[in-house]
Amino acid sequence: MREETVSWKYFKRDVVPFTAMIAIECTTVGSSILYKAATLRGFSFYVFVFYAYVGATLVLLLLSLIFGRSRSLPTAKSSLFFKIFLLALLGLTSRVAGCKGIEYSSPTLSSAISNLTPAFTFILAIFFRMEQVMLRSSATQAKIIGTIVSISGALVIVLYKGPKLLVAASFTSFESSWIIGGLLLGLQFLLLSVWFILQVVHTLGTDS
């Protein structure tokens, strides 16, 4: 009986979050490919974002009705609505920038640049004093190395399809679009990192 309890705790603590993260990544890649295929047939990215948010709203509304009945809601204040509006604005801007970036480039570039999210989140967590930097700690060293590697990898894949540096060559439309798409995708994942940080800050403030 005790072994079953330990196994269940391990499953909830390690297996479930890991599986959820894999599912999120697969969903993100699938939506990027679906969006690119839709835009190639003349589908407007504004309409795509609208339908995506309508579907997400319905799903979250259903989940809140099923799992959120037993929880007490926070007090309705103007500051709470401002936080919700700010998070919604950041999420929407991030989504629009990402869709436009995929339209200019490809889902492959989007998947590669998504590796910037942990790096941006780590840097912002240091800025907001949510992460302590101890250079002698192996955990901090691993995070710093991972941040450098992820940023370097994103730059390599953007510049690989872009124009050659320090060469007087004319920009082709494809190369220009690839660079613009990379910048928009970088903006998307920067805003996504800010969105993650603010969610933690606002959640802690609401709980307190």
N, C-alpha and C. Protein backbone atom coordinates (compact mmCIF):
# COMPACT_ATOMS: atom_id res chain seq x y z
N MET A 1 0.83 -1.21 0.00
CA MET A 1 0.00 0.00 0.00
C MET A 1 0.86 1.26 0.00
N ARG A 2 1.92 1.21 0.81
CA ARG A 2 2.81 2.36 0.88
C ARG A 2 3.56 2.56 -0.43
N GLU A 3 3.96 1.44 -1.06
CA GLU A 3 4.66 1.54 -2.34
C GLU A 3 3.76 2.15 -3.41
N GLU A 4 2.46 1.80 -3.38
CA GLU A 4 1.53 2.37 -4.34
C GLU A 4 1.37 3.87 -4.13
N THR A 5 1.36 4.29 -2.87
CA THR A 5 1.24 5.72 -2.57
C THR A 5 2.46 6.48 -3.06
N VAL A 6 3.65 5.92 -2.83
CA VAL A 6 4.88 6.56 -3.30
C VAL A 6 4.91 6.63 -4.82
N SER A 7 4.49 5.55 -5.47
CA SER A 7 4.47 5.53 -6.93
C SER A 7 3.50 6.56 -7.48
N TRP A 8 2.34 6.70 -6.84
CA TRP A 8 1.36 7.68 -7.29
C TRP A 8 1.87 9.11 -7.11
N LYS A 9 2.57 9.38 -6.00
CA LYS A 9 3.14 10.70 -5.78
C LYS A 9 4.21 11.01 -6.83
N TYR A 10 5.03 10.00 -7.13
CA TYR A 10 6.05 10.19 -8.17
C TYR A 10 5.40 10.45 -9.53
N PHE A 11 4.32 9.73 -9.81
CA PHE A 11 3.62 9.90 -11.08
C PHE A 11 3.05 11.32 -11.20
N LYS A 12 2.44 11.82 -10.13
CA LYS A 12 1.86 13.16 -10.16
C LYS A 12 2.92 14.24 -10.19
N ARG A 13 4.04 14.01 -9.51
CA ARG A 13 5.06 15.05 -9.39
C ARG A 13 5.95 15.13 -10.61
N ASP A 14 6.29 14.00 -11.22
CA ASP A 14 7.28 13.98 -12.30
C ASP A 14 6.69 13.60 -13.66
N VAL A 15 5.89 12.55 -13.70
CA VAL A 15 5.42 12.04 -14.98
C VAL A 15 4.36 12.96 -15.59
N VAL A 16 3.39 13.38 -14.78
CA VAL A 16 2.30 14.21 -15.30
C VAL A 16 2.80 15.55 -15.86
N PRO A 17 3.63 16.32 -15.13
CA PRO A 17 4.13 17.57 -15.71
C PRO A 17 4.96 17.35 -16.98
N PHE A 18 5.78 16.30 -16.99
CA PHE A 18 6.60 16.02 -18.17
C PHE A 18 5.72 15.69 -19.37
N THR A 19 4.70 14.86 -19.15
CA THR A 19 3.77 14.51 -20.23
C THR A 19 3.01 15.73 -20.71
N ALA A 20 2.62 16.59 -19.77
CA ALA A 20 1.89 17.81 -20.15
C ALA A 20 2.75 18.73 -21.00
N MET A 21 4.04 18.86 -20.65
CA MET A 21 4.93 19.72 -21.43
C MET A 21 5.13 19.18 -22.85
N ILE A 22 5.25 17.85 -22.97
CA ILE A 22 5.39 17.25 -24.30
C ILE A 22 4.12 17.49 -25.12
N ALA A 23 2.96 17.34 -24.48
CA ALA A 23 1.69 17.57 -25.18
C ALA A 23 1.57 19.02 -25.63
N ILE A 24 2.01 19.96 -24.79
CA ILE A 24 1.95 21.38 -25.16
C ILE A 24 2.85 21.66 -26.35
N GLU A 25 4.06 21.10 -26.34
CA GLU A 25 4.98 21.31 -27.46
C GLU A 25 4.42 20.73 -28.76
N CYS A 26 3.84 19.53 -28.68
CA CYS A 26 3.24 18.92 -29.87
C CYS A 26 2.07 19.75 -30.38
N THR A 27 1.27 20.27 -29.46
CA THR A 27 0.14 21.11 -29.86
C THR A 27 0.61 22.41 -30.50
N THR A 28 1.67 23.00 -29.95
CA THR A 28 2.21 24.24 -30.50
C THR A 28 2.74 24.04 -31.91
N VAL A 29 3.50 22.96 -32.10
CA VAL A 29 4.05 22.66 -33.43
C VAL A 29 2.91 22.36 -34.41
N GLY A 30 1.92 21.60 -33.96
CA GLY A 30 0.80 21.28 -34.83
C GLY A 30 0.01 22.51 -35.24
N SER A 31 -0.21 23.43 -34.30
CA SER A 31 -0.94 24.66 -34.63
C SER A 31 -0.14 25.55 -35.58
N SER A 32 1.19 25.56 -35.43
CA SER A 32 2.03 26.35 -36.33
C SER A 32 1.95 25.81 -37.76
N ILE A 33 2.03 24.48 -37.89
CA ILE A 33 1.93 23.87 -39.23
C ILE A 33 0.55 24.12 -39.82
N LEU A 34 -0.48 23.97 -39.00
CA LEU A 34 -1.85 24.20 -39.48
C LEU A 34 -2.04 25.64 -39.92
N TYR A 35 -1.49 26.58 -39.16
CA TYR A 35 -1.63 27.99 -39.52
C TYR A 35 -0.89 28.30 -40.82
N LYS A 36 0.33 27.76 -40.98
CA LYS A 36 1.09 28.01 -42.20
C LYS A 36 0.35 27.46 -43.42
N ALA A 37 -0.22 26.27 -43.28
CA ALA A 37 -0.98 25.69 -44.39
C ALA A 37 -2.20 26.54 -44.72
N ALA A 38 -2.83 27.11 -43.68
CA ALA A 38 -4.01 27.94 -43.91
C ALA A 38 -3.65 29.25 -44.61
N THR A 39 -2.53 29.86 -44.20
CA THR A 39 -2.14 31.13 -44.81
C THR A 39 -1.71 30.96 -46.27
N LEU A 40 -1.14 29.81 -46.59
CA LEU A 40 -0.76 29.56 -47.98
C LEU A 40 -1.98 29.49 -48.90
N ARG A 41 -3.14 29.24 -48.31
CA ARG A 41 -4.38 29.20 -49.09
C ARG A 41 -5.18 30.50 -48.96
N GLY A 42 -4.53 31.54 -48.43
CA GLY A 42 -5.17 32.85 -48.36
C GLY A 42 -5.96 33.12 -47.11
N PHE A 43 -5.78 32.31 -46.06
CA PHE A 43 -6.52 32.50 -44.81
C PHE A 43 -5.88 33.63 -44.02
N SER A 44 -6.69 34.58 -43.54
CA SER A 44 -6.18 35.73 -42.79
C SER A 44 -5.75 35.29 -41.39
N PHE A 45 -4.59 35.81 -40.95
CA PHE A 45 -4.11 35.40 -39.63
C PHE A 45 -4.94 36.04 -38.51
N TYR A 46 -5.60 37.17 -38.80
CA TYR A 46 -6.50 37.76 -37.80
C TYR A 46 -7.68 36.83 -37.52
N VAL A 47 -8.22 36.24 -38.58
CA VAL A 47 -9.34 35.30 -38.42
C VAL A 47 -8.87 34.05 -37.68
N PHE A 48 -7.66 33.59 -38.01
CA PHE A 48 -7.12 32.41 -37.34
C PHE A 48 -6.97 32.65 -35.84
N VAL A 49 -6.41 33.81 -35.47
CA VAL A 49 -6.24 34.14 -34.05
C VAL A 49 -7.60 34.24 -33.36
N PHE A 50 -8.58 34.83 -34.05
CA PHE A 50 -9.92 34.97 -33.47
C PHE A 50 -10.53 33.60 -33.17
N TYR A 51 -10.49 32.70 -34.14
CA TYR A 51 -11.05 31.37 -33.93
C TYR A 51 -10.28 30.60 -32.85
N ALA A 52 -8.96 30.79 -32.81
CA ALA A 52 -8.16 30.10 -31.79
C ALA A 52 -8.54 30.55 -30.39
N TYR A 53 -8.75 31.85 -30.22
CA TYR A 53 -9.11 32.36 -28.90
C TYR A 53 -10.55 32.03 -28.53
N VAL A 54 -11.43 31.97 -29.50
CA VAL A 54 -12.81 31.55 -29.21
C VAL A 54 -12.83 30.11 -28.73
N GLY A 55 -12.08 29.24 -29.43
CA GLY A 55 -12.01 27.84 -29.01
C GLY A 55 -11.39 27.68 -27.64
N ALA A 56 -10.31 28.44 -27.37
CA ALA A 56 -9.65 28.37 -26.06
C ALA A 56 -10.58 28.87 -24.96
N THR A 57 -11.35 29.92 -25.25
CA THR A 57 -12.28 30.45 -24.25
C THR A 57 -13.35 29.42 -23.89
N LEU A 58 -13.88 28.74 -24.88
CA LEU A 58 -14.91 27.73 -24.62
C LEU A 58 -14.35 26.56 -23.81
N VAL A 59 -13.13 26.14 -24.14
CA VAL A 59 -12.52 25.03 -23.40
C VAL A 59 -12.25 25.42 -21.95
N LEU A 60 -11.68 26.61 -21.74
CA LEU A 60 -11.39 27.06 -20.38
C LEU A 60 -12.67 27.29 -19.58
N LEU A 61 -13.71 27.78 -20.24
CA LEU A 61 -14.99 27.97 -19.55
C LEU A 61 -15.55 26.63 -19.09
N LEU A 62 -15.46 25.63 -19.95
CA LEU A 62 -15.94 24.30 -19.58
C LEU A 62 -15.13 23.71 -18.43
N LEU A 63 -13.80 23.86 -18.49
CA LEU A 63 -12.95 23.33 -17.42
C LEU A 63 -13.18 24.05 -16.10
N SER A 64 -13.42 25.36 -16.16
CA SER A 64 -13.68 26.10 -14.92
C SER A 64 -15.00 25.69 -14.29
N LEU A 65 -15.98 25.35 -15.11
CA LEU A 65 -17.26 24.89 -14.57
C LEU A 65 -17.14 23.50 -13.95
N ILE A 66 -16.22 22.69 -14.48
CA ILE A 66 -16.07 21.33 -13.96
C ILE A 66 -15.20 21.28 -12.72
N PHE A 67 -14.04 21.96 -12.77
CA PHE A 67 -13.06 21.83 -11.69
C PHE A 67 -13.00 23.04 -10.75
N GLY A 68 -13.63 24.14 -11.11
CA GLY A 68 -13.47 25.34 -10.29
C GLY A 68 -14.63 25.67 -9.39
N ARG A 69 -15.58 24.78 -9.24
CA ARG A 69 -16.75 25.09 -8.42
C ARG A 69 -16.42 25.16 -6.94
N SER A 70 -15.50 24.31 -6.49
CA SER A 70 -15.21 24.23 -5.06
C SER A 70 -14.24 25.31 -4.60
N ARG A 71 -13.69 26.10 -5.51
CA ARG A 71 -12.71 27.11 -5.13
C ARG A 71 -13.37 28.48 -5.03
N SER A 72 -12.93 29.23 -4.04
CA SER A 72 -13.47 30.58 -3.85
C SER A 72 -12.78 31.55 -4.80
N LEU A 73 -13.55 32.45 -5.37
CA LEU A 73 -13.02 33.42 -6.31
C LEU A 73 -12.42 34.61 -5.56
N PRO A 74 -11.38 35.25 -6.12
CA PRO A 74 -10.82 36.43 -5.47
C PRO A 74 -11.79 37.60 -5.52
N THR A 75 -11.58 38.55 -4.64
CA THR A 75 -12.45 39.72 -4.58
C THR A 75 -12.31 40.55 -5.86
N ALA A 76 -13.45 40.93 -6.42
CA ALA A 76 -13.45 41.71 -7.67
C ALA A 76 -13.00 43.14 -7.38
N LYS A 77 -11.81 43.48 -7.82
CA LYS A 77 -11.27 44.82 -7.65
C LYS A 77 -10.78 45.33 -9.00
N SER A 78 -10.62 46.64 -9.09
CA SER A 78 -10.14 47.22 -10.35
C SER A 78 -8.73 46.75 -10.67
N SER A 79 -7.91 46.54 -9.64
CA SER A 79 -6.54 46.07 -9.87
C SER A 79 -6.54 44.66 -10.45
N LEU A 80 -7.48 43.83 -10.02
CA LEU A 80 -7.57 42.46 -10.54
C LEU A 80 -7.94 42.48 -12.02
N PHE A 81 -8.91 43.31 -12.39
CA PHE A 81 -9.31 43.39 -13.79
C PHE A 81 -8.19 43.98 -14.65
N PHE A 82 -7.41 44.89 -14.08
CA PHE A 82 -6.27 45.44 -14.82
C PHE A 82 -5.22 44.36 -15.08
N LYS A 83 -4.97 43.51 -14.08
CA LYS A 83 -4.01 42.42 -14.26
C LYS A 83 -4.49 41.45 -15.33
N ILE A 84 -5.79 41.13 -15.30
CA ILE A 84 -6.34 40.23 -16.31
C ILE A 84 -6.22 40.85 -17.70
N PHE A 85 -6.53 42.14 -17.80
CA PHE A 85 -6.42 42.83 -19.08
C PHE A 85 -4.98 42.86 -19.58
N LEU A 86 -4.03 43.10 -18.67
CA LEU A 86 -2.62 43.16 -19.06
C LEU A 86 -2.14 41.80 -19.56
N LEU A 87 -2.51 40.73 -18.86
CA LEU A 87 -2.12 39.39 -19.30
C LEU A 87 -2.77 39.04 -20.63
N ALA A 88 -4.04 39.42 -20.80
CA ALA A 88 -4.72 39.15 -22.07
C ALA A 88 -4.07 39.91 -23.22
N LEU A 89 -3.70 41.16 -22.97
CA LEU A 89 -3.06 41.97 -24.01
C LEU A 89 -1.70 41.40 -24.40
N LEU A 90 -0.92 40.99 -23.41
CA LEU A 90 0.38 40.39 -23.70
C LEU A 90 0.23 39.08 -24.47
N GLY A 91 -0.72 38.25 -24.04
CA GLY A 91 -0.94 36.98 -24.73
C GLY A 91 -1.40 37.17 -26.16
N LEU A 92 -2.30 38.12 -26.37
CA LEU A 92 -2.80 38.39 -27.72
C LEU A 92 -1.70 38.95 -28.62
N THR A 93 -0.92 39.90 -28.09
CA THR A 93 0.17 40.48 -28.88
C THR A 93 1.20 39.43 -29.24
N SER A 94 1.50 38.54 -28.28
CA SER A 94 2.45 37.46 -28.54
C SER A 94 1.94 36.54 -29.63
N ARG A 95 0.65 36.22 -29.57
CA ARG A 95 0.07 35.31 -30.56
C ARG A 95 0.06 35.93 -31.95
N VAL A 96 -0.30 37.21 -32.03
CA VAL A 96 -0.34 37.90 -33.33
C VAL A 96 1.06 37.98 -33.93
N ALA A 97 2.06 38.33 -33.09
CA ALA A 97 3.44 38.40 -33.58
C ALA A 97 3.92 37.03 -34.05
N GLY A 98 3.54 35.97 -33.33
CA GLY A 98 3.95 34.63 -33.73
C GLY A 98 3.32 34.20 -35.05
N CYS A 99 2.03 34.47 -35.22
CA CYS A 99 1.36 34.10 -36.47
C CYS A 99 1.94 34.87 -37.65
N LYS A 100 2.20 36.15 -37.44
CA LYS A 100 2.79 36.95 -38.52
C LYS A 100 4.21 36.48 -38.82
N GLY A 101 4.95 36.09 -37.78
CA GLY A 101 6.30 35.57 -38.00
C GLY A 101 6.30 34.28 -38.78
N ILE A 102 5.36 33.38 -38.49
CA ILE A 102 5.25 32.13 -39.24
C ILE A 102 4.85 32.42 -40.69
N GLU A 103 4.00 33.42 -40.88
CA GLU A 103 3.60 33.79 -42.24
C GLU A 103 4.80 34.25 -43.06
N TYR A 104 5.73 34.96 -42.43
CA TYR A 104 6.92 35.42 -43.12
C TYR A 104 7.98 34.33 -43.27
N SER A 105 7.98 33.34 -42.38
CA SER A 105 9.05 32.34 -42.39
C SER A 105 8.47 30.94 -42.54
N SER A 106 8.59 30.12 -41.49
CA SER A 106 8.10 28.74 -41.56
C SER A 106 7.89 28.21 -40.14
N PRO A 107 7.10 27.13 -39.99
CA PRO A 107 6.94 26.51 -38.67
C PRO A 107 8.25 25.96 -38.11
N THR A 108 9.18 25.58 -38.99
CA THR A 108 10.48 25.08 -38.52
C THR A 108 11.23 26.16 -37.76
N LEU A 109 11.24 27.37 -38.30
CA LEU A 109 11.90 28.48 -37.62
C LEU A 109 11.21 28.79 -36.30
N SER A 110 9.88 28.72 -36.29
CA SER A 110 9.14 28.97 -35.06
C SER A 110 9.51 27.96 -33.97
N SER A 111 9.62 26.68 -34.34
CA SER A 111 9.98 25.65 -33.37
C SER A 111 11.39 25.85 -32.85
N ALA A 112 12.29 26.29 -33.74
CA ALA A 112 13.68 26.50 -33.32
C ALA A 112 13.80 27.70 -32.37
N ILE A 113 13.12 28.79 -32.71
CA ILE A 113 13.23 30.00 -31.89
C ILE A 113 12.46 29.85 -30.58
N SER A 114 11.54 28.90 -30.51
CA SER A 114 10.82 28.68 -29.25
C SER A 114 11.76 28.28 -28.12
N ASN A 115 12.97 27.82 -28.48
CA ASN A 115 13.97 27.50 -27.45
C ASN A 115 14.45 28.73 -26.70
N LEU A 116 14.10 29.93 -27.22
CA LEU A 116 14.47 31.15 -26.51
C LEU A 116 13.61 31.39 -25.28
N THR A 117 12.46 30.74 -25.20
CA THR A 117 11.55 30.99 -24.08
C THR A 117 12.19 30.71 -22.72
N PRO A 118 12.85 29.56 -22.51
CA PRO A 118 13.51 29.36 -21.20
C PRO A 118 14.61 30.38 -20.93
N ALA A 119 15.34 30.78 -21.99
CA ALA A 119 16.41 31.76 -21.79
C ALA A 119 15.84 33.11 -21.39
N PHE A 120 14.82 33.57 -22.10
CA PHE A 120 14.18 34.84 -21.76
C PHE A 120 13.57 34.79 -20.36
N THR A 121 12.94 33.66 -20.04
CA THR A 121 12.31 33.53 -18.73
C THR A 121 13.34 33.58 -17.61
N PHE A 122 14.48 32.93 -17.82
CA PHE A 122 15.55 32.94 -16.81
C PHE A 122 16.09 34.35 -16.62
N ILE A 123 16.32 35.07 -17.71
CA ILE A 123 16.84 36.44 -17.62
C ILE A 123 15.84 37.35 -16.92
N LEU A 124 14.57 37.23 -17.28
CA LEU A 124 13.55 38.07 -16.65
C LEU A 124 13.35 37.70 -15.18
N ALA A 125 13.48 36.41 -14.86
CA ALA A 125 13.36 36.00 -13.46
C ALA A 125 14.47 36.61 -12.61
N ILE A 126 15.66 36.72 -13.18
CA ILE A 126 16.76 37.40 -12.47
C ILE A 126 16.44 38.88 -12.30
N PHE A 127 15.90 39.49 -13.35
CA PHE A 127 15.57 40.92 -13.30
C PHE A 127 14.51 41.20 -12.24
N PHE A 128 13.51 40.33 -12.13
CA PHE A 128 12.44 40.50 -11.15
C PHE A 128 12.79 39.90 -9.78
N ARG A 129 14.04 39.45 -9.62
CA ARG A 129 14.54 38.89 -8.36
C ARG A 129 13.75 37.65 -7.93
N MET A 130 13.30 36.90 -8.92
CA MET A 130 12.64 35.63 -8.64
C MET A 130 13.61 34.46 -8.74
N GLU A 131 14.80 34.74 -9.23
CA GLU A 131 15.84 33.72 -9.40
C GLU A 131 17.13 34.25 -8.80
N GLN A 132 17.76 33.45 -7.96
CA GLN A 132 19.02 33.84 -7.35
C GLN A 132 20.18 33.28 -8.17
N VAL A 133 21.13 34.14 -8.46
CA VAL A 133 22.30 33.75 -9.25
C VAL A 133 23.47 33.51 -8.32
N MET A 134 23.87 32.26 -8.22
CA MET A 134 25.05 31.87 -7.45
C MET A 134 26.01 31.18 -8.41
N LEU A 135 27.04 31.91 -8.80
CA LEU A 135 27.93 31.44 -9.86
C LEU A 135 28.65 30.15 -9.49
N ARG A 136 28.82 29.89 -8.22
CA ARG A 136 29.49 28.65 -7.81
C ARG A 136 28.55 27.46 -7.78
N SER A 137 27.26 27.71 -7.93
CA SER A 137 26.28 26.63 -7.91
C SER A 137 26.22 25.96 -9.28
N SER A 138 26.19 24.63 -9.28
CA SER A 138 26.12 23.90 -10.55
C SER A 138 24.79 24.15 -11.26
N ALA A 139 23.72 24.35 -10.49
CA ALA A 139 22.41 24.62 -11.10
C ALA A 139 22.43 25.95 -11.84
N THR A 140 23.00 26.98 -11.22
CA THR A 140 23.09 28.29 -11.87
C THR A 140 23.98 28.23 -13.10
N GLN A 141 25.10 27.52 -13.01
CA GLN A 141 25.99 27.38 -14.16
C GLN A 141 25.29 26.68 -15.32
N ALA A 142 24.50 25.65 -15.01
CA ALA A 142 23.77 24.94 -16.06
C ALA A 142 22.74 25.85 -16.73
N LYS A 143 22.07 26.68 -15.93
CA LYS A 143 21.08 27.61 -16.49
C LYS A 143 21.74 28.65 -17.38
N ILE A 144 22.89 29.16 -16.95
CA ILE A 144 23.60 30.17 -17.74
C ILE A 144 24.08 29.57 -19.06
N ILE A 145 24.65 28.37 -18.99
CA ILE A 145 25.13 27.71 -20.21
C ILE A 145 23.95 27.41 -21.14
N GLY A 146 22.84 26.94 -20.58
CA GLY A 146 21.66 26.67 -21.40
C GLY A 146 21.12 27.92 -22.06
N THR A 147 21.16 29.05 -21.33
CA THR A 147 20.70 30.32 -21.90
C THR A 147 21.56 30.74 -23.07
N ILE A 148 22.88 30.64 -22.90
CA ILE A 148 23.80 31.02 -23.98
C ILE A 148 23.62 30.12 -25.20
N VAL A 149 23.48 28.82 -24.96
CA VAL A 149 23.34 27.87 -26.07
C VAL A 149 22.03 28.10 -26.82
N SER A 150 20.93 28.34 -26.10
CA SER A 150 19.64 28.52 -26.76
C SER A 150 19.62 29.80 -27.59
N ILE A 151 20.18 30.89 -27.05
CA ILE A 151 20.23 32.14 -27.80
C ILE A 151 21.13 32.00 -29.02
N SER A 152 22.27 31.34 -28.85
CA SER A 152 23.19 31.14 -29.98
C SER A 152 22.55 30.28 -31.06
N GLY A 153 21.85 29.23 -30.65
CA GLY A 153 21.19 28.37 -31.63
C GLY A 153 20.11 29.09 -32.42
N ALA A 154 19.34 29.95 -31.73
CA ALA A 154 18.30 30.71 -32.43
C ALA A 154 18.92 31.69 -33.43
N LEU A 155 20.02 32.33 -33.05
CA LEU A 155 20.68 33.25 -33.97
C LEU A 155 21.24 32.52 -35.18
N VAL A 156 21.78 31.33 -34.96
CA VAL A 156 22.35 30.56 -36.07
C VAL A 156 21.28 30.20 -37.09
N ILE A 157 20.14 29.72 -36.62
CA ILE A 157 19.13 29.26 -37.57
C ILE A 157 18.47 30.43 -38.29
N VAL A 158 18.42 31.62 -37.64
CA VAL A 158 17.89 32.80 -38.33
C VAL A 158 18.87 33.28 -39.40
N LEU A 159 20.14 33.39 -39.04
CA LEU A 159 21.14 33.90 -39.97
C LEU A 159 21.51 32.89 -41.04
N TYR A 160 21.23 31.61 -40.79
CA TYR A 160 21.54 30.57 -41.78
C TYR A 160 20.72 30.76 -43.04
N LYS A 161 19.46 31.13 -42.87
CA LYS A 161 18.59 31.38 -44.01
C LYS A 161 18.61 32.84 -44.44
N GLY A 162 19.26 33.69 -43.66
CA GLY A 162 19.27 35.11 -43.97
C GLY A 162 20.44 35.48 -44.86
N PRO A 163 20.67 36.77 -45.06
CA PRO A 163 21.77 37.21 -45.92
C PRO A 163 23.12 36.98 -45.25
N LYS A 164 24.15 36.84 -46.05
CA LYS A 164 25.49 36.66 -45.52
C LYS A 164 25.98 37.97 -44.91
N LEU A 165 26.62 37.87 -43.76
CA LEU A 165 27.09 39.05 -43.07
C LEU A 165 28.36 39.58 -43.72
N LEU A 166 28.53 40.91 -43.67
CA LEU A 166 29.73 41.58 -44.17
C LEU A 166 29.99 41.30 -45.64
N VAL A 167 28.91 41.09 -46.40
CA VAL A 167 29.03 40.88 -47.84
C VAL A 167 28.07 41.83 -48.52
N ALA A 168 28.56 42.54 -49.52
CA ALA A 168 27.73 43.52 -50.22
C ALA A 168 26.83 42.82 -51.22
N ALA A 169 25.86 42.11 -50.71
CA ALA A 169 24.92 41.39 -51.57
C ALA A 169 23.53 41.95 -51.34
N SER A 170 22.74 41.94 -52.39
CA SER A 170 21.38 42.48 -52.29
C SER A 170 20.48 41.50 -51.57
N PHE A 171 19.53 42.03 -50.83
CA PHE A 171 18.58 41.20 -50.11
C PHE A 171 17.54 40.68 -51.09
N THR A 172 17.31 39.41 -51.07
CA THR A 172 16.18 38.86 -51.83
C THR A 172 14.94 38.93 -50.96
N SER A 173 13.79 38.81 -51.59
CA SER A 173 12.54 38.90 -50.84
C SER A 173 12.43 37.75 -49.84
N PHE A 174 12.93 36.56 -50.22
CA PHE A 174 12.86 35.42 -49.31
C PHE A 174 13.74 35.64 -48.10
N GLU A 175 14.95 36.14 -48.32
CA GLU A 175 15.86 36.36 -47.21
C GLU A 175 15.33 37.44 -46.27
N SER A 176 14.77 38.50 -46.84
CA SER A 176 14.22 39.57 -46.02
C SER A 176 13.04 39.06 -45.19
N SER A 177 12.18 38.27 -45.82
CA SER A 177 11.03 37.73 -45.11
C SER A 177 11.48 36.80 -43.98
N TRP A 178 12.55 36.03 -44.22
CA TRP A 178 13.04 35.11 -43.20
C TRP A 178 13.55 35.87 -41.98
N ILE A 179 14.27 36.97 -42.22
CA ILE A 179 14.79 37.79 -41.11
C ILE A 179 13.64 38.44 -40.35
N ILE A 180 12.67 39.01 -41.09
CA ILE A 180 11.52 39.64 -40.44
C ILE A 180 10.74 38.62 -39.63
N GLY A 181 10.54 37.44 -40.21
CA GLY A 181 9.84 36.38 -39.48
C GLY A 181 10.58 35.97 -38.22
N GLY A 182 11.91 35.88 -38.30
CA GLY A 182 12.69 35.54 -37.11
C GLY A 182 12.58 36.58 -36.02
N LEU A 183 12.59 37.86 -36.40
CA LEU A 183 12.45 38.93 -35.41
C LEU A 183 11.07 38.90 -34.76
N LEU A 184 10.04 38.68 -35.56
CA LEU A 184 8.68 38.62 -35.00
C LEU A 184 8.51 37.41 -34.08
N LEU A 185 9.10 36.29 -34.45
CA LEU A 185 9.03 35.11 -33.59
C LEU A 185 9.82 35.32 -32.30
N GLY A 186 10.96 36.00 -32.41
CA GLY A 186 11.71 36.34 -31.20
C GLY A 186 10.90 37.23 -30.27
N LEU A 187 10.18 38.21 -30.87
CA LEU A 187 9.30 39.07 -30.07
C LEU A 187 8.18 38.26 -29.42
N GLN A 188 7.65 37.28 -30.16
CA GLN A 188 6.59 36.45 -29.60
C GLN A 188 7.05 35.74 -28.33
N PHE A 189 8.21 35.11 -28.38
CA PHE A 189 8.65 34.32 -27.23
C PHE A 189 9.20 35.20 -26.11
N LEU A 190 9.64 36.42 -26.44
CA LEU A 190 9.99 37.37 -25.38
C LEU A 190 8.74 37.79 -24.61
N LEU A 191 7.67 38.13 -25.35
CA LEU A 191 6.42 38.49 -24.70
C LEU A 191 5.83 37.30 -23.94
N LEU A 192 6.03 36.10 -24.47
CA LEU A 192 5.54 34.91 -23.78
C LEU A 192 6.26 34.71 -22.45
N SER A 193 7.56 35.00 -22.42
CA SER A 193 8.31 34.90 -21.16
C SER A 193 7.83 35.94 -20.15
N VAL A 194 7.59 37.16 -20.63
CA VAL A 194 7.03 38.20 -19.75
C VAL A 194 5.67 37.77 -19.22
N TRP A 195 4.89 37.13 -20.08
CA TRP A 195 3.56 36.63 -19.71
C TRP A 195 3.66 35.59 -18.60
N PHE A 196 4.63 34.68 -18.71
CA PHE A 196 4.84 33.67 -17.67
C PHE A 196 5.21 34.32 -16.34
N ILE A 197 6.15 35.27 -16.39
CA ILE A 197 6.61 35.92 -15.16
C ILE A 197 5.47 36.68 -14.49
N LEU A 198 4.70 37.42 -15.27
CA LEU A 198 3.60 38.20 -14.70
C LEU A 198 2.50 37.30 -14.14
N GLN A 199 2.30 36.14 -14.75
CA GLN A 199 1.32 35.21 -14.21
C GLN A 199 1.72 34.77 -12.80
N VAL A 200 3.00 34.46 -12.63
CA VAL A 200 3.48 34.05 -11.30
C VAL A 200 3.33 35.19 -10.30
N VAL A 201 3.73 36.40 -10.71
CA VAL A 201 3.64 37.56 -9.82
C VAL A 201 2.20 37.84 -9.43
N HIS A 202 1.30 37.85 -10.41
CA HIS A 202 -0.11 38.14 -10.13
C HIS A 202 -0.77 37.03 -9.32
N THR A 203 -0.38 35.78 -9.59
CA THR A 203 -0.96 34.66 -8.84
C THR A 203 -0.55 34.72 -7.38
N LEU A 204 0.73 35.00 -7.13
CA LEU A 204 1.19 35.12 -5.75
C LEU A 204 0.52 36.29 -5.05
N GLY A 205 0.33 37.39 -5.78
CA GLY A 205 -0.34 38.54 -5.18
C GLY A 205 -1.79 38.27 -4.88
N THR A 206 -2.46 37.49 -5.75
CA THR A 206 -3.87 37.15 -5.52
C THR A 206 -4.03 36.20 -4.35
N ASP A 207 -3.10 35.21 -4.26
CA ASP A 207 -3.18 34.24 -3.16
C ASP A 207 -2.94 34.88 -1.81
N SER A 208 -2.05 35.89 -1.80
CA SER A 208 -1.75 36.53 -0.53
C SER A 208 -2.87 37.47 -0.10
